[in-house]
Amino acid sequence: MALYPYTLQPIALNLTEAEFQQAQYELFTNASPSFGLKSIKMKEWIILAVVVVLAIAGLIFVSGYSTIIFWLMLVSVVIYLLVRTLGFKWYVKKEFEKQVAAQQMPDEMHEMKLGVQKHGLIMAMPANQPNLMQNPQMRGMQMRASQTQQAVIPWSAVKSWDETDDYIFMMFELKGQQGSQIIPKRMQAQKFPIDTVRQHLQEVVPIRGLQTEQLPPIAK
């Protein structure tokens, strides 16, 4: 295996509520179908083209009040394109925001630290976390007792992962328990080796892609 940079000590995650919601939205939009003009099927383009040709022909060969119907045909095409692209995108975003607003970031993520080692991703938290092991994400992990509690997610436990411009997402399974982790790429400024994380993830799961409906429920 090639030599990659690793962390000497876990680095504070410092994930905020705003970042938590932004990360979920980026993952959602990354996995969602495109709402741009490229998303319109060939059959739709053909129908729109026929309508536009008929409308233009009507405007050329017909005069007087009868041209109103042809103007309405052109306006209808424009309205359809706007609804089919921007309208759907706005609606889906609003529906997603409603769902995210009802969720809360797990408390332990406020104090979590992350490290990167050859054998896996290190998750460290202060030892005074009485409810830590009640979180489904942490069950099945071996915690090392000290001033901080540390757990290791072996790279081999990663089942899927994905990334956006600002975050890396990974899903893992340990002893039958599923969990997920968000890694903000801004941590690279704190010498957190994002490229090393990506390299290990690509080695265990070469094809990116995270099924958001399989994510474990957010701890309340």
N, C-alpha and C. Protein backbone atom coordinates (compact mmCIF):
# COMPACT_ATOMS: atom_id res chain seq x y z
N MET A 1 0.85 -1.20 0.00
CA MET A 1 0.00 0.00 0.00
C MET A 1 0.88 1.25 0.00
N ALA A 2 0.49 2.25 -0.73
CA ALA A 2 1.24 3.50 -0.80
C ALA A 2 1.19 4.21 0.54
N LEU A 3 2.19 5.06 0.75
CA LEU A 3 2.24 5.82 2.00
C LEU A 3 1.38 7.07 1.87
N TYR A 4 0.48 7.27 2.83
CA TYR A 4 -0.39 8.44 2.84
C TYR A 4 -0.20 9.17 4.16
N PRO A 5 -0.49 10.47 4.18
CA PRO A 5 -0.40 11.19 5.46
C PRO A 5 -1.53 10.78 6.40
N TYR A 6 -1.21 10.66 7.68
CA TYR A 6 -2.20 10.31 8.70
C TYR A 6 -2.15 11.35 9.81
N THR A 7 -3.08 11.27 10.74
CA THR A 7 -3.13 12.23 11.84
C THR A 7 -2.37 11.69 13.05
N LEU A 8 -1.65 12.58 13.73
CA LEU A 8 -0.98 12.19 14.97
C LEU A 8 -1.97 12.16 16.13
N GLN A 9 -2.91 13.11 16.12
CA GLN A 9 -3.96 13.19 17.14
C GLN A 9 -5.29 13.45 16.43
N PRO A 10 -6.41 12.96 17.01
CA PRO A 10 -7.72 13.28 16.42
C PRO A 10 -7.95 14.79 16.39
N ILE A 11 -8.62 15.25 15.36
CA ILE A 11 -8.88 16.67 15.14
C ILE A 11 -10.36 16.96 15.37
N ALA A 12 -10.64 18.07 16.06
CA ALA A 12 -12.02 18.41 16.40
C ALA A 12 -12.88 18.55 15.15
N LEU A 13 -14.03 17.89 15.16
CA LEU A 13 -14.97 17.95 14.05
C LEU A 13 -15.64 19.32 13.99
N ASN A 14 -16.09 19.81 15.15
CA ASN A 14 -16.73 21.14 15.26
C ASN A 14 -17.87 21.32 14.25
N LEU A 15 -18.68 20.29 14.09
CA LEU A 15 -19.80 20.36 13.15
C LEU A 15 -20.94 21.16 13.75
N THR A 16 -21.42 22.15 13.03
CA THR A 16 -22.52 22.99 13.51
C THR A 16 -23.85 22.46 12.97
N GLU A 17 -24.94 22.95 13.57
CA GLU A 17 -26.26 22.56 13.09
C GLU A 17 -26.45 22.98 11.63
N ALA A 18 -25.93 24.18 11.29
CA ALA A 18 -26.06 24.67 9.92
C ALA A 18 -25.32 23.75 8.95
N GLU A 19 -24.11 23.32 9.33
CA GLU A 19 -23.34 22.42 8.48
C GLU A 19 -24.03 21.06 8.37
N PHE A 20 -24.60 20.60 9.48
CA PHE A 20 -25.29 19.31 9.50
C PHE A 20 -26.43 19.31 8.48
N GLN A 21 -27.20 20.38 8.46
CA GLN A 21 -28.31 20.47 7.51
C GLN A 21 -27.79 20.67 6.09
N GLN A 22 -26.75 21.48 5.94
CA GLN A 22 -26.18 21.72 4.61
C GLN A 22 -25.61 20.43 4.03
N ALA A 23 -24.96 19.63 4.88
CA ALA A 23 -24.39 18.36 4.42
C ALA A 23 -25.49 17.43 3.92
N GLN A 24 -26.61 17.36 4.66
CA GLN A 24 -27.71 16.50 4.24
C GLN A 24 -28.31 17.00 2.93
N TYR A 25 -28.41 18.31 2.78
CA TYR A 25 -28.97 18.86 1.55
C TYR A 25 -28.06 18.58 0.36
N GLU A 26 -26.74 18.72 0.55
CA GLU A 26 -25.81 18.45 -0.54
C GLU A 26 -25.86 16.98 -0.94
N LEU A 27 -25.96 16.10 0.07
CA LEU A 27 -26.06 14.68 -0.24
C LEU A 27 -27.36 14.38 -0.99
N PHE A 28 -28.43 15.04 -0.57
CA PHE A 28 -29.73 14.85 -1.21
C PHE A 28 -29.69 15.29 -2.66
N THR A 29 -29.17 16.49 -2.91
CA THR A 29 -29.12 17.00 -4.28
C THR A 29 -28.14 16.20 -5.14
N ASN A 30 -27.09 15.68 -4.51
CA ASN A 30 -26.12 14.87 -5.23
C ASN A 30 -26.74 13.56 -5.72
N ALA A 31 -27.67 13.02 -4.91
CA ALA A 31 -28.30 11.75 -5.26
C ALA A 31 -29.58 11.93 -6.05
N SER A 32 -30.11 13.15 -6.09
CA SER A 32 -31.37 13.40 -6.77
C SER A 32 -31.17 13.51 -8.28
N PRO A 33 -32.19 13.20 -9.06
CA PRO A 33 -32.09 13.38 -10.51
C PRO A 33 -31.98 14.85 -10.86
N SER A 34 -31.39 15.11 -12.01
CA SER A 34 -31.22 16.49 -12.45
C SER A 34 -32.57 17.11 -12.79
N PHE A 35 -32.70 18.41 -12.46
CA PHE A 35 -33.93 19.13 -12.78
C PHE A 35 -33.69 20.16 -13.89
N GLY A 36 -32.53 20.07 -14.54
CA GLY A 36 -32.22 21.01 -15.61
C GLY A 36 -32.83 20.58 -16.92
N LEU A 37 -32.48 21.31 -17.98
CA LEU A 37 -33.00 20.99 -19.31
C LEU A 37 -32.57 19.60 -19.77
N LYS A 38 -31.41 19.13 -19.28
CA LYS A 38 -30.94 17.81 -19.68
C LYS A 38 -31.83 16.69 -19.15
N SER A 39 -32.63 17.00 -18.13
CA SER A 39 -33.50 15.98 -17.55
C SER A 39 -34.76 15.74 -18.39
N ILE A 40 -35.02 16.64 -19.34
CA ILE A 40 -36.22 16.50 -20.18
C ILE A 40 -35.97 15.43 -21.23
N LYS A 41 -36.91 14.50 -21.35
CA LYS A 41 -36.76 13.37 -22.25
C LYS A 41 -36.95 13.79 -23.71
N MET A 42 -36.44 12.95 -24.60
CA MET A 42 -36.51 13.24 -26.04
C MET A 42 -37.96 13.37 -26.51
N LYS A 43 -38.85 12.51 -25.97
CA LYS A 43 -40.26 12.56 -26.36
C LYS A 43 -40.86 13.92 -26.02
N GLU A 44 -40.49 14.46 -24.85
CA GLU A 44 -41.00 15.77 -24.44
C GLU A 44 -40.49 16.86 -25.38
N TRP A 45 -39.19 16.78 -25.73
CA TRP A 45 -38.63 17.77 -26.64
C TRP A 45 -39.32 17.75 -27.99
N ILE A 46 -39.66 16.55 -28.46
CA ILE A 46 -40.32 16.44 -29.76
C ILE A 46 -41.70 17.10 -29.72
N ILE A 47 -42.44 16.82 -28.64
CA ILE A 47 -43.78 17.43 -28.51
C ILE A 47 -43.67 18.95 -28.42
N LEU A 48 -42.71 19.44 -27.64
CA LEU A 48 -42.53 20.89 -27.50
C LEU A 48 -42.13 21.51 -28.83
N ALA A 49 -41.27 20.82 -29.57
CA ALA A 49 -40.83 21.33 -30.87
C ALA A 49 -42.00 21.42 -31.84
N VAL A 50 -42.87 20.42 -31.85
CA VAL A 50 -44.04 20.44 -32.73
C VAL A 50 -44.95 21.61 -32.38
N VAL A 51 -45.16 21.82 -31.08
CA VAL A 51 -46.02 22.93 -30.63
C VAL A 51 -45.43 24.26 -31.06
N VAL A 52 -44.11 24.42 -30.88
CA VAL A 52 -43.46 25.68 -31.25
C VAL A 52 -43.55 25.92 -32.76
N VAL A 53 -43.32 24.87 -33.56
CA VAL A 53 -43.40 25.01 -35.03
C VAL A 53 -44.81 25.39 -35.46
N LEU A 54 -45.81 24.75 -34.87
CA LEU A 54 -47.19 25.07 -35.22
C LEU A 54 -47.53 26.51 -34.82
N ALA A 55 -47.03 26.91 -33.65
CA ALA A 55 -47.32 28.26 -33.17
C ALA A 55 -46.68 29.31 -34.09
N ILE A 56 -45.43 29.08 -34.47
CA ILE A 56 -44.75 30.03 -35.35
C ILE A 56 -45.41 30.07 -36.72
N ALA A 57 -45.77 28.90 -37.23
CA ALA A 57 -46.46 28.85 -38.52
C ALA A 57 -47.78 29.59 -38.46
N GLY A 58 -48.49 29.45 -37.36
CA GLY A 58 -49.77 30.15 -37.20
C GLY A 58 -49.59 31.65 -37.16
N LEU A 59 -48.53 32.12 -36.49
CA LEU A 59 -48.27 33.55 -36.42
C LEU A 59 -47.89 34.12 -37.79
N ILE A 60 -47.26 33.28 -38.62
CA ILE A 60 -46.84 33.74 -39.95
C ILE A 60 -48.02 33.79 -40.92
N PHE A 61 -48.86 32.77 -40.89
CA PHE A 61 -49.89 32.64 -41.91
C PHE A 61 -51.28 33.12 -41.46
N VAL A 62 -51.43 33.40 -40.20
CA VAL A 62 -52.73 33.84 -39.69
C VAL A 62 -52.58 35.25 -39.12
N SER A 63 -53.58 36.05 -39.30
CA SER A 63 -53.54 37.42 -38.78
C SER A 63 -54.80 37.69 -37.97
N GLY A 64 -54.78 38.82 -37.27
CA GLY A 64 -55.95 39.21 -36.49
C GLY A 64 -55.99 38.54 -35.12
N TYR A 65 -57.18 38.52 -34.54
CA TYR A 65 -57.34 37.97 -33.19
C TYR A 65 -57.05 36.47 -33.11
N SER A 66 -57.10 35.81 -34.24
CA SER A 66 -56.86 34.36 -34.26
C SER A 66 -55.43 34.00 -33.83
N THR A 67 -54.52 34.98 -33.88
CA THR A 67 -53.13 34.69 -33.50
C THR A 67 -52.98 34.50 -31.99
N ILE A 68 -54.00 34.90 -31.23
CA ILE A 68 -53.89 34.78 -29.76
C ILE A 68 -53.61 33.34 -29.34
N ILE A 69 -54.27 32.41 -29.99
CA ILE A 69 -54.09 30.99 -29.62
C ILE A 69 -52.65 30.53 -29.84
N PHE A 70 -52.01 31.10 -30.89
CA PHE A 70 -50.63 30.70 -31.17
C PHE A 70 -49.66 31.32 -30.17
N TRP A 71 -49.96 32.55 -29.73
CA TRP A 71 -49.16 33.16 -28.67
C TRP A 71 -49.29 32.36 -27.37
N LEU A 72 -50.52 31.91 -27.10
CA LEU A 72 -50.75 31.10 -25.91
C LEU A 72 -49.98 29.78 -25.97
N MET A 73 -49.86 29.23 -27.19
CA MET A 73 -49.09 28.00 -27.35
C MET A 73 -47.62 28.22 -27.00
N LEU A 74 -47.06 29.34 -27.45
CA LEU A 74 -45.65 29.65 -27.14
C LEU A 74 -45.46 29.91 -25.65
N VAL A 75 -46.39 30.65 -25.06
CA VAL A 75 -46.31 30.92 -23.62
C VAL A 75 -46.41 29.64 -22.82
N SER A 76 -47.27 28.73 -23.28
CA SER A 76 -47.44 27.45 -22.59
C SER A 76 -46.15 26.63 -22.60
N VAL A 77 -45.43 26.68 -23.72
CA VAL A 77 -44.16 25.97 -23.81
C VAL A 77 -43.16 26.53 -22.79
N VAL A 78 -43.09 27.85 -22.71
CA VAL A 78 -42.18 28.50 -21.76
C VAL A 78 -42.56 28.13 -20.33
N ILE A 79 -43.85 28.21 -20.01
CA ILE A 79 -44.32 27.88 -18.66
C ILE A 79 -44.00 26.43 -18.33
N TYR A 80 -44.21 25.53 -19.27
CA TYR A 80 -43.93 24.12 -19.04
C TYR A 80 -42.45 23.90 -18.71
N LEU A 81 -41.57 24.56 -19.48
CA LEU A 81 -40.14 24.40 -19.24
C LEU A 81 -39.75 24.93 -17.86
N LEU A 82 -40.33 26.06 -17.46
CA LEU A 82 -40.03 26.62 -16.15
C LEU A 82 -40.51 25.71 -15.02
N VAL A 83 -41.73 25.19 -15.17
CA VAL A 83 -42.27 24.29 -14.14
C VAL A 83 -41.48 22.99 -14.12
N ARG A 84 -41.14 22.48 -15.29
CA ARG A 84 -40.45 21.19 -15.41
C ARG A 84 -39.04 21.24 -14.82
N THR A 85 -38.43 22.42 -14.80
CA THR A 85 -37.05 22.55 -14.30
C THR A 85 -37.03 23.27 -12.95
N LEU A 86 -37.16 24.59 -12.98
CA LEU A 86 -37.06 25.38 -11.75
C LEU A 86 -38.18 25.07 -10.76
N GLY A 87 -39.39 24.84 -11.28
CA GLY A 87 -40.52 24.57 -10.40
C GLY A 87 -40.35 23.28 -9.61
N PHE A 88 -39.97 22.20 -10.27
CA PHE A 88 -39.75 20.92 -9.59
C PHE A 88 -38.61 21.02 -8.59
N LYS A 89 -37.54 21.70 -9.01
CA LYS A 89 -36.40 21.85 -8.12
C LYS A 89 -36.78 22.60 -6.86
N TRP A 90 -37.55 23.67 -6.99
CA TRP A 90 -37.99 24.45 -5.82
C TRP A 90 -38.88 23.60 -4.92
N TYR A 91 -39.80 22.84 -5.50
CA TYR A 91 -40.72 22.03 -4.71
C TYR A 91 -39.98 20.96 -3.93
N VAL A 92 -39.05 20.25 -4.59
CA VAL A 92 -38.31 19.19 -3.92
C VAL A 92 -37.44 19.76 -2.81
N LYS A 93 -36.85 20.93 -3.04
CA LYS A 93 -36.02 21.56 -2.02
C LYS A 93 -36.86 21.93 -0.80
N LYS A 94 -38.04 22.47 -1.02
CA LYS A 94 -38.91 22.85 0.10
C LYS A 94 -39.34 21.63 0.89
N GLU A 95 -39.68 20.55 0.21
CA GLU A 95 -40.07 19.31 0.90
C GLU A 95 -38.91 18.75 1.71
N PHE A 96 -37.70 18.83 1.15
CA PHE A 96 -36.53 18.35 1.87
C PHE A 96 -36.27 19.20 3.11
N GLU A 97 -36.41 20.52 2.97
CA GLU A 97 -36.17 21.42 4.11
C GLU A 97 -37.14 21.13 5.25
N LYS A 98 -38.37 20.74 4.92
CA LYS A 98 -39.34 20.39 5.96
C LYS A 98 -38.87 19.17 6.74
N GLN A 99 -38.34 18.19 6.03
CA GLN A 99 -37.87 16.98 6.69
C GLN A 99 -36.64 17.26 7.56
N VAL A 100 -35.70 18.05 7.04
CA VAL A 100 -34.49 18.36 7.78
C VAL A 100 -34.79 19.18 9.03
N ALA A 101 -35.77 20.09 8.92
CA ALA A 101 -36.12 20.94 10.06
C ALA A 101 -36.61 20.12 11.25
N ALA A 102 -37.13 18.92 10.98
CA ALA A 102 -37.65 18.07 12.06
C ALA A 102 -36.56 17.21 12.67
N GLN A 103 -35.33 17.28 12.14
CA GLN A 103 -34.22 16.47 12.65
C GLN A 103 -33.26 17.33 13.45
N GLN A 104 -32.54 16.68 14.35
CA GLN A 104 -31.53 17.35 15.14
C GLN A 104 -30.20 16.63 15.01
N MET A 105 -29.13 17.40 15.08
CA MET A 105 -27.81 16.80 15.02
C MET A 105 -27.55 16.06 16.32
N PRO A 106 -27.02 14.83 16.26
CA PRO A 106 -26.70 14.08 17.48
C PRO A 106 -25.79 14.88 18.40
N ASP A 107 -26.06 14.87 19.70
CA ASP A 107 -25.31 15.67 20.66
C ASP A 107 -23.82 15.38 20.64
N GLU A 108 -23.45 14.11 20.47
CA GLU A 108 -22.04 13.75 20.56
C GLU A 108 -21.21 14.37 19.44
N MET A 109 -21.86 14.79 18.35
CA MET A 109 -21.10 15.37 17.24
C MET A 109 -20.56 16.75 17.57
N HIS A 110 -21.10 17.38 18.63
CA HIS A 110 -20.58 18.68 19.04
C HIS A 110 -19.15 18.56 19.58
N GLU A 111 -18.83 17.42 20.20
CA GLU A 111 -17.52 17.26 20.84
C GLU A 111 -16.67 16.18 20.18
N MET A 112 -17.12 15.65 19.07
CA MET A 112 -16.39 14.56 18.42
C MET A 112 -15.10 15.06 17.77
N LYS A 113 -14.09 14.19 17.81
CA LYS A 113 -12.84 14.42 17.09
C LYS A 113 -12.61 13.24 16.16
N LEU A 114 -12.01 13.52 15.02
CA LEU A 114 -11.75 12.48 14.03
C LEU A 114 -10.26 12.37 13.74
N GLY A 115 -9.81 11.15 13.57
CA GLY A 115 -8.44 10.89 13.18
C GLY A 115 -8.41 9.89 12.04
N VAL A 116 -7.31 9.84 11.35
CA VAL A 116 -7.17 8.93 10.21
C VAL A 116 -5.92 8.09 10.41
N GLN A 117 -6.11 6.77 10.42
CA GLN A 117 -4.99 5.84 10.54
C GLN A 117 -5.09 4.79 9.44
N LYS A 118 -4.03 4.05 9.28
CA LYS A 118 -3.98 3.03 8.23
C LYS A 118 -5.07 1.99 8.40
N HIS A 119 -5.43 1.70 9.66
CA HIS A 119 -6.41 0.65 9.92
C HIS A 119 -7.85 1.15 9.93
N GLY A 120 -8.08 2.49 9.97
CA GLY A 120 -9.45 2.96 9.96
C GLY A 120 -9.60 4.41 10.40
N LEU A 121 -10.85 4.85 10.47
CA LEU A 121 -11.19 6.21 10.92
C LEU A 121 -11.36 6.19 12.44
N ILE A 122 -10.68 7.10 13.14
CA ILE A 122 -10.73 7.17 14.59
C ILE A 122 -11.80 8.18 14.99
N MET A 123 -12.68 7.78 15.91
CA MET A 123 -13.69 8.68 16.46
C MET A 123 -13.41 8.82 17.96
N ALA A 124 -13.15 10.03 18.40
CA ALA A 124 -12.80 10.28 19.80
C ALA A 124 -13.77 11.29 20.41
N MET A 125 -14.15 11.03 21.68
CA MET A 125 -15.05 11.91 22.41
C MET A 125 -14.66 11.94 23.87
N PRO A 126 -15.01 13.01 24.62
CA PRO A 126 -14.73 13.04 26.05
C PRO A 126 -15.34 11.83 26.75
N ALA A 127 -14.67 11.36 27.80
CA ALA A 127 -15.12 10.15 28.49
C ALA A 127 -16.44 10.34 29.21
N ASN A 128 -16.77 11.59 29.57
CA ASN A 128 -18.02 11.83 30.32
C ASN A 128 -19.20 11.95 29.37
N GLN A 129 -19.49 10.87 28.68
CA GLN A 129 -20.63 10.81 27.75
C GLN A 129 -21.49 9.62 28.16
N PRO A 130 -22.34 9.74 29.19
CA PRO A 130 -23.11 8.59 29.69
C PRO A 130 -24.06 7.99 28.69
N ASN A 131 -24.54 8.80 27.74
CA ASN A 131 -25.51 8.28 26.77
C ASN A 131 -24.87 7.90 25.44
N LEU A 132 -23.54 7.93 25.42
CA LEU A 132 -22.84 7.71 24.15
C LEU A 132 -23.16 6.36 23.54
N MET A 133 -23.12 5.30 24.37
CA MET A 133 -23.31 3.97 23.84
C MET A 133 -24.77 3.68 23.49
N GLN A 134 -25.67 4.60 23.86
CA GLN A 134 -27.07 4.43 23.48
C GLN A 134 -27.33 4.83 22.04
N ASN A 135 -26.36 5.57 21.47
CA ASN A 135 -26.49 5.98 20.08
C ASN A 135 -26.29 4.76 19.18
N PRO A 136 -27.26 4.46 18.30
CA PRO A 136 -27.12 3.30 17.41
C PRO A 136 -25.83 3.31 16.61
N GLN A 137 -25.30 4.51 16.31
CA GLN A 137 -24.09 4.61 15.51
C GLN A 137 -22.88 4.05 16.26
N MET A 138 -22.89 4.07 17.61
CA MET A 138 -21.74 3.68 18.39
C MET A 138 -21.82 2.25 18.93
N ARG A 139 -22.99 1.62 18.84
CA ARG A 139 -23.13 0.27 19.35
C ARG A 139 -22.27 -0.70 18.56
N GLY A 140 -21.69 -1.65 19.28
CA GLY A 140 -20.86 -2.65 18.62
C GLY A 140 -19.41 -2.23 18.49
N MET A 141 -19.07 -0.98 18.86
CA MET A 141 -17.70 -0.51 18.76
C MET A 141 -16.95 -0.79 20.06
N GLN A 142 -15.67 -1.04 19.95
CA GLN A 142 -14.82 -1.20 21.11
C GLN A 142 -14.27 0.17 21.50
N MET A 143 -14.67 0.65 22.69
CA MET A 143 -14.24 1.97 23.14
C MET A 143 -13.03 1.84 24.06
N ARG A 144 -12.00 2.62 23.82
CA ARG A 144 -10.80 2.61 24.63
C ARG A 144 -10.97 3.61 25.78
N ALA A 145 -10.87 3.14 27.02
CA ALA A 145 -11.08 4.00 28.19
C ALA A 145 -9.87 4.86 28.47
N SER A 146 -10.06 6.16 28.62
CA SER A 146 -9.03 7.13 29.01
C SER A 146 -9.76 8.43 29.24
N GLN A 147 -9.04 9.56 29.20
CA GLN A 147 -9.72 10.84 29.32
C GLN A 147 -10.67 11.06 28.16
N THR A 148 -10.38 10.43 27.07
CA THR A 148 -11.29 10.43 25.92
C THR A 148 -11.62 8.99 25.55
N GLN A 149 -12.77 8.79 25.00
CA GLN A 149 -13.16 7.48 24.50
C GLN A 149 -12.91 7.46 23.00
N GLN A 150 -12.27 6.41 22.55
CA GLN A 150 -11.95 6.29 21.13
C GLN A 150 -12.55 5.02 20.54
N ALA A 151 -13.08 5.14 19.37
CA ALA A 151 -13.58 3.99 18.62
C ALA A 151 -12.96 4.02 17.23
N VAL A 152 -12.80 2.87 16.64
CA VAL A 152 -12.20 2.76 15.32
C VAL A 152 -13.22 2.18 14.34
N ILE A 153 -13.41 2.85 13.23
CA ILE A 153 -14.21 2.31 12.13
C ILE A 153 -13.22 1.74 11.12
N PRO A 154 -13.02 0.43 11.08
CA PRO A 154 -12.09 -0.13 10.08
C PRO A 154 -12.54 0.21 8.67
N TRP A 155 -11.60 0.46 7.80
CA TRP A 155 -11.96 0.78 6.43
C TRP A 155 -12.75 -0.37 5.80
N SER A 156 -12.46 -1.59 6.25
CA SER A 156 -13.16 -2.75 5.70
C SER A 156 -14.64 -2.78 6.11
N ALA A 157 -15.01 -1.99 7.15
CA ALA A 157 -16.41 -1.95 7.60
C ALA A 157 -17.25 -1.00 6.77
N VAL A 158 -16.61 -0.19 5.93
CA VAL A 158 -17.34 0.78 5.11
C VAL A 158 -18.09 0.06 4.01
N LYS A 159 -19.39 0.32 3.91
CA LYS A 159 -20.24 -0.33 2.92
C LYS A 159 -20.49 0.56 1.70
N SER A 160 -20.53 1.86 1.90
CA SER A 160 -20.73 2.79 0.78
C SER A 160 -20.27 4.17 1.21
N TRP A 161 -20.02 5.02 0.23
CA TRP A 161 -19.59 6.38 0.54
C TRP A 161 -19.89 7.27 -0.66
N ASP A 162 -19.85 8.57 -0.41
CA ASP A 162 -20.07 9.54 -1.48
C ASP A 162 -19.43 10.84 -1.03
N GLU A 163 -19.33 11.79 -1.93
CA GLU A 163 -18.80 13.10 -1.56
C GLU A 163 -19.43 14.19 -2.41
N THR A 164 -19.44 15.39 -1.83
CA THR A 164 -19.88 16.58 -2.54
C THR A 164 -18.72 17.57 -2.52
N ASP A 165 -18.97 18.79 -2.91
CA ASP A 165 -17.90 19.79 -2.91
C ASP A 165 -17.39 20.07 -1.51
N ASP A 166 -18.24 19.88 -0.50
CA ASP A 166 -17.89 20.29 0.87
C ASP A 166 -17.77 19.16 1.88
N TYR A 167 -18.27 17.97 1.54
CA TYR A 167 -18.32 16.90 2.54
C TYR A 167 -18.01 15.54 1.92
N ILE A 168 -17.54 14.64 2.79
CA ILE A 168 -17.44 13.22 2.47
C ILE A 168 -18.40 12.49 3.40
N PHE A 169 -19.16 11.56 2.86
CA PHE A 169 -20.12 10.78 3.63
C PHE A 169 -19.73 9.31 3.54
N MET A 170 -19.86 8.61 4.65
CA MET A 170 -19.56 7.19 4.62
C MET A 170 -20.56 6.42 5.49
N MET A 171 -20.94 5.24 5.03
CA MET A 171 -21.78 4.34 5.79
C MET A 171 -20.97 3.10 6.13
N PHE A 172 -21.12 2.62 7.36
CA PHE A 172 -20.35 1.45 7.79
C PHE A 172 -21.24 0.51 8.59
N GLU A 173 -20.75 -0.69 8.80
CA GLU A 173 -21.48 -1.68 9.58
C GLU A 173 -20.49 -2.44 10.46
N LEU A 174 -20.77 -2.46 11.77
CA LEU A 174 -19.94 -3.17 12.73
C LEU A 174 -20.82 -4.05 13.60
N LYS A 175 -20.54 -5.33 13.62
CA LYS A 175 -21.28 -6.27 14.45
C LYS A 175 -22.79 -6.14 14.27
N GLY A 176 -23.19 -5.98 13.02
CA GLY A 176 -24.61 -5.91 12.71
C GLY A 176 -25.24 -4.55 12.92
N GLN A 177 -24.48 -3.57 13.42
CA GLN A 177 -25.00 -2.23 13.65
C GLN A 177 -24.53 -1.30 12.53
N GLN A 178 -25.47 -0.55 11.96
CA GLN A 178 -25.13 0.40 10.90
C GLN A 178 -24.90 1.78 11.48
N GLY A 179 -24.00 2.51 10.87
CA GLY A 179 -23.72 3.88 11.27
C GLY A 179 -23.31 4.71 10.07
N SER A 180 -23.23 6.01 10.27
CA SER A 180 -22.81 6.91 9.19
C SER A 180 -21.98 8.03 9.77
N GLN A 181 -21.14 8.62 8.95
CA GLN A 181 -20.28 9.71 9.41
C GLN A 181 -20.16 10.77 8.33
N ILE A 182 -20.22 12.02 8.76
CA ILE A 182 -20.02 13.17 7.88
C ILE A 182 -18.64 13.76 8.15
N ILE A 183 -17.87 13.99 7.10
CA ILE A 183 -16.54 14.59 7.25
C ILE A 183 -16.48 15.87 6.43
N PRO A 184 -16.48 17.04 7.09
CA PRO A 184 -16.38 18.30 6.33
C PRO A 184 -14.99 18.45 5.71
N LYS A 185 -14.94 18.82 4.46
CA LYS A 185 -13.65 18.99 3.80
C LYS A 185 -12.87 20.20 4.31
N ARG A 186 -13.56 21.11 5.01
CA ARG A 186 -12.86 22.26 5.58
C ARG A 186 -11.81 21.82 6.61
N MET A 187 -11.94 20.59 7.12
CA MET A 187 -10.98 20.09 8.10
C MET A 187 -9.58 19.92 7.50
N GLN A 188 -9.50 19.94 6.18
CA GLN A 188 -8.20 19.83 5.53
C GLN A 188 -7.30 21.00 5.92
N ALA A 189 -7.91 22.15 6.21
CA ALA A 189 -7.14 23.31 6.66
C ALA A 189 -6.52 23.08 8.03
N GLN A 190 -7.05 22.10 8.78
CA GLN A 190 -6.50 21.73 10.09
C GLN A 190 -5.58 20.52 9.96
N LYS A 191 -5.11 20.25 8.76
CA LYS A 191 -4.20 19.15 8.45
C LYS A 191 -4.87 17.79 8.62
N PHE A 192 -6.19 17.77 8.40
CA PHE A 192 -6.89 16.50 8.36
C PHE A 192 -6.77 15.96 6.94
N PRO A 193 -6.21 14.75 6.76
CA PRO A 193 -5.89 14.25 5.41
C PRO A 193 -7.11 13.72 4.65
N ILE A 194 -7.85 14.63 4.06
CA ILE A 194 -9.03 14.25 3.28
C ILE A 194 -8.67 13.31 2.14
N ASP A 195 -7.54 13.56 1.47
CA ASP A 195 -7.13 12.72 0.35
C ASP A 195 -6.86 11.29 0.80
N THR A 196 -6.33 11.14 2.02
CA THR A 196 -6.07 9.80 2.55
C THR A 196 -7.38 9.07 2.80
N VAL A 197 -8.36 9.77 3.37
CA VAL A 197 -9.68 9.18 3.59
C VAL A 197 -10.27 8.71 2.27
N ARG A 198 -10.23 9.59 1.27
CA ARG A 198 -10.79 9.24 -0.04
C ARG A 198 -10.07 8.03 -0.64
N GLN A 199 -8.75 7.99 -0.49
CA GLN A 199 -7.98 6.89 -1.05
C GLN A 199 -8.38 5.55 -0.43
N HIS A 200 -8.52 5.52 0.90
CA HIS A 200 -8.91 4.29 1.58
C HIS A 200 -10.34 3.88 1.20
N LEU A 201 -11.22 4.87 1.09
CA LEU A 201 -12.60 4.56 0.72
C LEU A 201 -12.67 3.98 -0.69
N GLN A 202 -11.87 4.54 -1.59
CA GLN A 202 -11.85 4.03 -2.97
C GLN A 202 -11.29 2.62 -3.03
N GLU A 203 -10.39 2.29 -2.11
CA GLU A 203 -9.80 0.95 -2.10
C GLU A 203 -10.81 -0.11 -1.67
N VAL A 204 -11.67 0.25 -0.70
CA VAL A 204 -12.64 -0.75 -0.20
C VAL A 204 -13.95 -0.72 -0.98
N VAL A 205 -14.35 0.48 -1.46
CA VAL A 205 -15.57 0.62 -2.26
C VAL A 205 -15.24 1.48 -3.47
N PRO A 206 -14.81 0.88 -4.57
CA PRO A 206 -14.36 1.66 -5.74
C PRO A 206 -15.42 2.56 -6.34
N ILE A 207 -16.68 2.15 -6.27
CA ILE A 207 -17.75 2.92 -6.91
C ILE A 207 -18.48 3.75 -5.86
N ARG A 208 -18.47 5.06 -6.04
CA ARG A 208 -19.17 5.96 -5.12
C ARG A 208 -20.67 5.83 -5.27
N GLY A 209 -21.37 6.13 -4.20
CA GLY A 209 -22.83 6.13 -4.26
C GLY A 209 -23.42 5.77 -2.93
N LEU A 210 -24.19 6.68 -2.35
CA LEU A 210 -24.78 6.48 -1.04
C LEU A 210 -26.29 6.49 -1.18
N GLN A 211 -26.95 5.43 -0.72
CA GLN A 211 -28.40 5.37 -0.75
C GLN A 211 -28.92 6.03 0.52
N THR A 212 -29.45 7.26 0.40
CA THR A 212 -29.84 8.02 1.58
C THR A 212 -30.96 7.36 2.35
N GLU A 213 -31.80 6.56 1.68
CA GLU A 213 -32.90 5.93 2.41
C GLU A 213 -32.42 4.83 3.33
N GLN A 214 -31.13 4.40 3.19
CA GLN A 214 -30.58 3.35 4.03
C GLN A 214 -29.85 3.91 5.24
N LEU A 215 -29.76 5.23 5.35
CA LEU A 215 -29.07 5.82 6.49
C LEU A 215 -29.81 5.49 7.77
N PRO A 216 -29.09 5.23 8.87
CA PRO A 216 -29.74 4.95 10.14
C PRO A 216 -30.45 6.18 10.65
N PRO A 217 -31.47 6.04 11.49
CA PRO A 217 -32.21 7.20 11.99
C PRO A 217 -31.33 8.11 12.83
N ILE A 218 -31.60 9.42 12.74
CA ILE A 218 -30.85 10.39 13.52
C ILE A 218 -31.19 10.23 14.99
N ALA A 219 -30.16 10.21 15.83
CA ALA A 219 -30.39 10.10 17.26
C ALA A 219 -31.04 11.36 17.79
N LYS A 220 -32.02 11.23 18.65
CA LYS A 220 -32.72 12.38 19.22
C LYS A 220 -32.25 12.62 20.64
